Each structure stands twice: as C-alpha cells, then as structure tokens.
N, C-alpha and C. Protein backbone atom coordinates (compact mmCIF):
# COMPACT_ATOMS: atom_id res chain seq x y z
N ARG A 1 15.07 -0.34 26.25
CA ARG A 1 15.34 0.09 26.92
C ARG A 1 14.00 1.49 26.17
N ALA A 2 13.90 2.06 27.40
CA ALA A 2 12.78 2.64 27.63
C ALA A 2 13.39 4.36 27.61
N PHE A 3 12.49 5.25 27.02
CA PHE A 3 12.96 6.70 26.47
C PHE A 3 11.82 7.30 27.26
N SER A 4 11.64 8.72 27.54
CA SER A 4 10.90 9.82 28.14
C SER A 4 11.12 10.58 27.33
N SER A 5 10.24 11.42 26.17
CA SER A 5 10.97 13.13 25.86
C SER A 5 9.81 13.81 26.03
N GLY A 6 9.89 14.90 26.66
CA GLY A 6 9.23 15.61 27.27
C GLY A 6 8.00 15.12 28.39
N ASP A 7 6.73 15.37 27.24
CA ASP A 7 5.45 14.95 27.88
C ASP A 7 4.84 13.65 27.11
N LEU A 8 6.30 12.58 26.69
CA LEU A 8 4.99 11.30 26.01
C LEU A 8 5.29 10.51 27.14
N PRO A 9 4.60 9.50 26.63
CA PRO A 9 4.51 8.28 27.84
C PRO A 9 5.91 7.45 27.19
N ALA A 10 5.94 6.68 28.24
CA ALA A 10 7.25 5.90 27.96
C ALA A 10 7.23 5.14 26.34
N HIS A 11 8.31 4.66 26.00
CA HIS A 11 8.43 4.26 25.08
C HIS A 11 9.67 3.81 24.72
N GLN A 12 9.73 2.73 23.61
CA GLN A 12 10.94 2.34 22.93
C GLN A 12 11.42 2.53 21.58
N GLN A 13 12.83 2.91 21.14
CA GLN A 13 13.02 3.36 19.72
C GLN A 13 13.53 1.80 19.30
N ILE A 14 12.95 1.57 18.35
CA ILE A 14 13.42 0.37 17.43
C ILE A 14 14.34 1.16 16.39
N THR A 15 15.49 0.90 16.18
CA THR A 15 16.53 0.97 15.52
C THR A 15 17.26 0.19 14.32
N MET A 16 17.31 0.78 13.41
CA MET A 16 17.91 0.09 12.24
C MET A 16 19.06 -1.04 12.50
N PRO A 17 18.70 -2.27 12.67
CA PRO A 17 19.94 -3.20 12.95
C PRO A 17 20.86 -3.49 12.18
N GLY A 18 22.53 -3.75 13.23
CA GLY A 18 22.76 -3.87 11.91
C GLY A 18 22.94 -5.52 11.51
N LEU A 19 22.54 -6.22 10.58
CA LEU A 19 22.46 -7.30 9.98
C LEU A 19 23.59 -8.52 9.60
N SER A 20 24.60 -7.58 9.63
CA SER A 20 26.12 -8.49 9.21
C SER A 20 27.53 -7.18 9.94
N PRO A 21 28.13 -8.00 9.92
CA PRO A 21 29.34 -7.12 10.51
C PRO A 21 29.64 -6.08 9.31
N THR A 22 29.23 -6.04 8.27
CA THR A 22 30.00 -5.22 7.29
C THR A 22 28.56 -4.04 7.20
N MET A 23 27.48 -4.52 7.74
CA MET A 23 26.66 -3.84 7.38
C MET A 23 26.55 -2.09 7.76
N ALA A 24 26.42 -1.18 6.92
CA ALA A 24 26.68 0.23 7.70
C ALA A 24 25.23 0.76 7.30
N GLN A 25 24.07 0.39 6.47
CA GLN A 25 22.83 0.64 6.14
C GLN A 25 22.25 0.08 5.84
N GLY A 26 21.22 0.06 5.77
CA GLY A 26 20.10 -1.06 4.97
C GLY A 26 18.56 -0.20 4.47
N ASN A 27 17.57 -0.93 4.13
CA ASN A 27 16.80 0.00 3.30
C ASN A 27 15.32 -0.82 4.07
N ILE A 28 14.20 -0.28 3.96
CA ILE A 28 12.83 -1.02 5.26
C ILE A 28 12.22 -1.07 3.60
N ALA A 29 12.08 -2.71 3.30
CA ALA A 29 11.52 -3.55 1.97
C ALA A 29 9.49 -3.35 2.21
N THR A 30 9.55 -3.93 3.77
CA THR A 30 7.88 -3.97 3.80
C THR A 30 7.90 -3.82 5.29
N TRP A 31 6.44 -3.07 6.16
CA TRP A 31 5.84 -3.50 6.94
C TRP A 31 5.42 -4.42 7.22
N HIS A 32 5.54 -5.41 8.55
CA HIS A 32 4.59 -6.49 8.35
C HIS A 32 3.58 -6.38 9.63
N LYS A 33 3.82 -4.75 10.00
CA LYS A 33 2.87 -4.74 11.42
C LYS A 33 2.54 -3.08 10.93
N LYS A 34 1.29 -2.65 11.58
CA LYS A 34 0.97 -1.27 10.81
C LYS A 34 1.03 -0.46 12.07
N GLU A 35 0.90 0.51 12.42
CA GLU A 35 0.82 1.33 13.42
C GLU A 35 -0.44 1.24 14.24
N GLY A 36 -0.40 0.99 16.27
CA GLY A 36 -1.95 0.58 16.87
C GLY A 36 -1.48 -1.27 16.53
N ASP A 37 -1.06 -1.90 16.01
CA ASP A 37 -0.86 -3.19 15.84
C ASP A 37 0.06 -3.58 17.11
N ALA A 38 -0.29 -4.60 18.13
CA ALA A 38 0.01 -5.37 19.18
C ALA A 38 1.13 -6.06 18.82
N VAL A 39 2.18 -6.52 19.40
CA VAL A 39 3.35 -7.07 18.52
C VAL A 39 3.77 -8.18 20.11
N ALA A 40 4.24 -9.06 19.57
CA ALA A 40 4.72 -9.96 20.71
C ALA A 40 6.17 -10.24 20.52
N ALA A 41 6.88 -10.79 21.17
CA ALA A 41 8.39 -10.83 21.00
C ALA A 41 8.26 -12.08 20.24
N GLY A 42 9.30 -12.09 18.95
CA GLY A 42 9.40 -13.18 18.17
C GLY A 42 8.54 -12.67 16.62
N ASP A 43 7.43 -11.67 16.64
CA ASP A 43 6.46 -11.37 15.75
C ASP A 43 7.65 -10.76 14.20
N VAL A 44 7.37 -11.21 13.12
CA VAL A 44 8.00 -9.93 12.01
C VAL A 44 7.27 -8.78 12.20
N LEU A 45 8.24 -7.93 12.30
CA LEU A 45 7.76 -6.13 12.58
C LEU A 45 8.06 -5.83 11.06
N CYS A 46 9.40 -6.27 10.40
CA CYS A 46 9.56 -5.56 8.82
C CYS A 46 10.69 -6.32 8.15
N GLU A 47 10.47 -6.27 6.87
CA GLU A 47 11.78 -6.71 6.27
C GLU A 47 12.79 -6.09 5.86
N ILE A 48 13.75 -5.92 6.40
CA ILE A 48 15.25 -4.92 5.48
C ILE A 48 15.69 -5.87 4.74
N GLU A 49 16.08 -4.81 3.60
CA GLU A 49 16.60 -5.00 2.40
C GLU A 49 18.26 -4.47 2.78
N THR A 50 19.69 -5.51 2.80
CA THR A 50 20.82 -5.13 3.05
C THR A 50 21.25 -5.51 1.27
N ASP A 51 22.81 -4.78 1.00
CA ASP A 51 23.25 -4.94 -0.01
C ASP A 51 23.30 -6.38 -0.66
N LYS A 52 23.08 -7.55 0.57
CA LYS A 52 23.79 -8.81 0.14
C LYS A 52 22.14 -9.46 0.21
N ALA A 53 21.39 -9.20 0.63
CA ALA A 53 19.87 -10.45 1.40
C ALA A 53 18.67 -9.34 1.62
N THR A 54 17.59 -9.99 1.95
CA THR A 54 16.04 -9.42 2.59
C THR A 54 16.09 -10.25 3.44
N LEU A 55 15.68 -9.88 4.56
CA LEU A 55 15.93 -10.65 6.00
C LEU A 55 14.43 -10.09 6.44
N GLU A 56 14.04 -10.61 7.63
CA GLU A 56 13.22 -10.23 8.41
C GLU A 56 13.32 -9.69 9.80
N MET A 57 12.87 -8.94 10.47
CA MET A 57 13.51 -8.48 11.41
C MET A 57 11.96 -8.72 12.68
N GLU A 58 12.50 -9.52 13.54
CA GLU A 58 11.65 -9.47 15.04
C GLU A 58 11.95 -8.90 15.93
N SER A 59 10.35 -8.67 16.62
CA SER A 59 10.58 -7.89 17.67
C SER A 59 11.29 -8.45 18.85
N MET A 60 12.11 -8.09 19.57
CA MET A 60 12.72 -8.50 20.94
C MET A 60 11.97 -8.31 22.18
N GLU A 61 10.69 -7.54 22.05
CA GLU A 61 10.09 -7.43 22.94
C GLU A 61 8.51 -6.90 22.30
N GLU A 62 7.63 -7.50 23.90
CA GLU A 62 5.78 -7.46 23.28
C GLU A 62 5.68 -5.91 23.49
N GLY A 63 4.65 -5.54 23.17
CA GLY A 63 4.53 -3.85 23.01
C GLY A 63 2.88 -4.01 21.88
N VAL A 64 3.10 -2.31 21.79
CA VAL A 64 2.20 -2.00 20.69
C VAL A 64 3.31 -0.91 19.43
N LEU A 65 2.82 -1.17 18.12
CA LEU A 65 3.81 -0.28 17.65
C LEU A 65 3.08 1.00 17.73
N ALA A 66 3.58 1.79 17.85
CA ALA A 66 2.78 3.10 17.95
C ALA A 66 3.29 4.13 16.84
N LYS A 67 4.60 4.05 16.08
CA LYS A 67 4.90 4.70 15.08
C LYS A 67 5.99 4.50 14.44
N ILE A 68 5.68 4.45 12.96
CA ILE A 68 6.92 4.08 11.56
C ILE A 68 7.15 5.36 11.48
N LEU A 69 8.71 5.37 11.73
CA LEU A 69 9.18 6.38 11.31
C LEU A 69 10.47 6.39 9.87
N LYS A 70 9.99 5.56 9.17
CA LYS A 70 10.70 5.19 7.96
C LYS A 70 9.75 4.34 7.48
N PRO A 71 8.94 4.78 6.30
CA PRO A 71 7.94 4.12 5.82
C PRO A 71 8.55 2.93 4.82
N ASN A 72 7.42 2.20 4.07
CA ASN A 72 7.96 1.11 3.20
C ASN A 72 8.92 1.78 1.97
N GLY A 73 9.99 1.00 1.88
CA GLY A 73 10.59 1.87 0.31
C GLY A 73 11.84 2.62 1.28
N ALA A 74 11.65 3.00 2.13
CA ALA A 74 12.90 4.11 2.91
C ALA A 74 14.01 3.21 2.53
N GLN A 75 15.51 4.20 2.31
CA GLN A 75 16.36 3.73 1.93
C GLN A 75 17.51 4.32 2.67
N ASN A 76 18.46 3.80 2.47
CA ASN A 76 20.33 4.06 3.11
C ASN A 76 19.45 4.63 4.64
N ILE A 77 19.59 3.82 5.27
CA ILE A 77 19.03 4.70 6.43
C ILE A 77 20.29 3.84 7.41
N ALA A 78 20.90 4.84 7.88
CA ALA A 78 22.14 3.79 8.95
C ALA A 78 21.69 3.15 10.18
N VAL A 79 22.51 2.39 10.00
CA VAL A 79 22.90 1.19 11.39
C VAL A 79 22.35 2.39 12.26
N GLY A 80 21.44 2.20 13.65
CA GLY A 80 21.00 2.69 14.53
C GLY A 80 20.14 3.48 14.49
N VAL A 81 19.65 4.43 13.35
CA VAL A 81 18.88 5.59 13.46
C VAL A 81 17.09 4.96 13.53
N PRO A 82 16.50 5.21 14.52
CA PRO A 82 15.40 5.01 14.83
C PRO A 82 14.42 4.53 13.47
N ILE A 83 13.92 4.05 13.46
CA ILE A 83 12.76 3.30 12.23
C ILE A 83 11.20 3.29 12.99
N ALA A 84 10.99 3.14 14.26
CA ALA A 84 9.75 2.70 14.75
C ALA A 84 9.67 3.46 16.16
N ILE A 85 8.67 3.35 16.73
CA ILE A 85 8.72 3.63 18.04
C ILE A 85 7.24 2.71 18.37
N MET A 86 7.58 2.05 19.85
CA MET A 86 7.07 1.11 20.66
C MET A 86 6.64 1.33 21.95
N VAL A 87 5.46 0.92 22.47
CA VAL A 87 5.21 1.64 23.84
C VAL A 87 4.23 0.43 24.35
N GLU A 88 3.89 0.16 25.73
CA GLU A 88 3.64 -1.00 26.39
C GLU A 88 2.21 -0.77 26.40
N ASP A 89 1.71 0.35 25.95
CA ASP A 89 0.17 0.22 26.33
C ASP A 89 -0.65 0.67 24.78
N ALA A 90 -1.60 0.01 24.29
CA ALA A 90 -2.20 0.62 23.63
C ALA A 90 -2.94 2.31 23.32
N LYS A 91 -3.38 2.23 24.65
CA LYS A 91 -4.00 4.28 25.14
C LYS A 91 -2.78 4.69 25.17
N ASP A 92 -1.39 4.64 24.72
CA ASP A 92 -0.23 5.13 24.40
C ASP A 92 0.00 6.02 22.78
N VAL A 93 -0.62 5.18 21.86
CA VAL A 93 -0.33 5.37 20.87
C VAL A 93 -0.84 6.50 20.50
N ALA A 94 -1.78 7.30 20.24
CA ALA A 94 -2.19 8.61 20.18
C ALA A 94 -1.13 9.83 20.17
N ALA A 95 -0.69 9.74 21.14
CA ALA A 95 0.79 10.53 22.00
C ALA A 95 1.67 10.35 20.75
N PHE A 96 1.90 9.86 19.94
CA PHE A 96 3.09 9.46 19.11
C PHE A 96 2.46 10.21 17.21
N ALA A 97 1.02 10.70 17.77
CA ALA A 97 0.47 10.10 15.96
C ALA A 97 1.55 12.00 15.36
N ALA A 98 1.85 12.86 16.06
CA ALA A 98 2.89 13.52 15.20
C ALA A 98 4.17 13.63 15.76
N TYR A 99 4.24 12.98 16.31
CA TYR A 99 6.17 12.14 16.99
C TYR A 99 7.32 12.68 15.65
N GLU A 100 8.20 12.95 16.18
CA GLU A 100 9.10 13.42 14.95
C GLU A 100 10.32 13.31 16.37
N PRO A 101 11.23 12.18 15.53
CA PRO A 101 12.19 12.06 16.55
C PRO A 101 13.48 13.29 16.61
N PRO A 102 14.31 13.42 17.42
CA PRO A 102 15.30 14.65 18.24
C PRO A 102 15.98 14.31 16.95
N ALA A 103 16.74 15.65 16.28
CA ALA A 103 17.48 15.77 15.18
C ALA A 103 18.77 15.22 15.48
N GLU A 104 19.44 14.75 16.81
CA GLU A 104 20.56 13.77 16.91
C GLU A 104 20.33 12.23 16.33
N ASP A 105 18.93 12.22 16.87
CA ASP A 105 18.40 10.25 16.45
C ASP A 105 18.26 10.14 14.92
N VAL A 106 18.13 11.26 13.99
CA VAL A 106 18.23 11.28 12.35
C VAL A 106 18.93 11.21 12.16
N ALA A 107 20.46 11.68 12.24
CA ALA A 107 22.00 11.31 11.59
C ALA A 107 21.93 10.23 11.11
N THR A 108 22.57 10.51 9.97
CA THR A 108 22.61 8.92 8.90
C THR A 108 24.42 8.84 8.88
N GLY A 109 24.93 9.35 10.24
CA GLY A 109 26.34 8.92 10.36
C GLY A 109 26.96 7.91 11.08
C-alpha cells in the first residue's frame, strides 16, 4: 500500500509482522539492508526476534529502503508498528532523511 504524507513522495510503510498467532511484539535483531539499498522481492530485510525464535523478514515488494525507523536492537515493537519506509525510486530516499512517523503510527498498542 502506498501512502502520501504531506510533500513526501509515494512510499510504503513496512510494519512489524505478526510471525505467529500469539506474537504481540518483537525485536529487531539485525538489519540486512541499509538505507538507500535496492531491495528485490524475497530479499531479507532484517532479522526479527520473538519470544521463541529469531526469524528472517523478507521483502514482499521491490523498491529502495528509504528510512529505518527502528534500529538494530530495538525492542518490544508492537505488531503493526512501522519499522521502515520503502520507496520505488532511489531519488526519493533523501526526502525521508528527517522523516518521523505520525504519532498514531508509533503507538505501542
């Protein structure tokens, strides 16, 4: 899904996935991609730690990783909370350098 926030280019929020039926939150173990990296569908974006395991999170779409909102080691991120922003074109990455998600997207509930 694409979002437009004010004057920002079209982008997609990547949210903390629910990796099991009982998962309510997770941690970012390690990002495998950096801001500005091209991403293909199936590429591993990061490793997510749950209370039971560490799993790789693959990209469902191709694009460019514009902004990492939750860094390596970020903990107790609720399922559905934005963890990164993807754009279609590398020229749009700079527009997200100072991006902060809207307050309603940061809620931990």
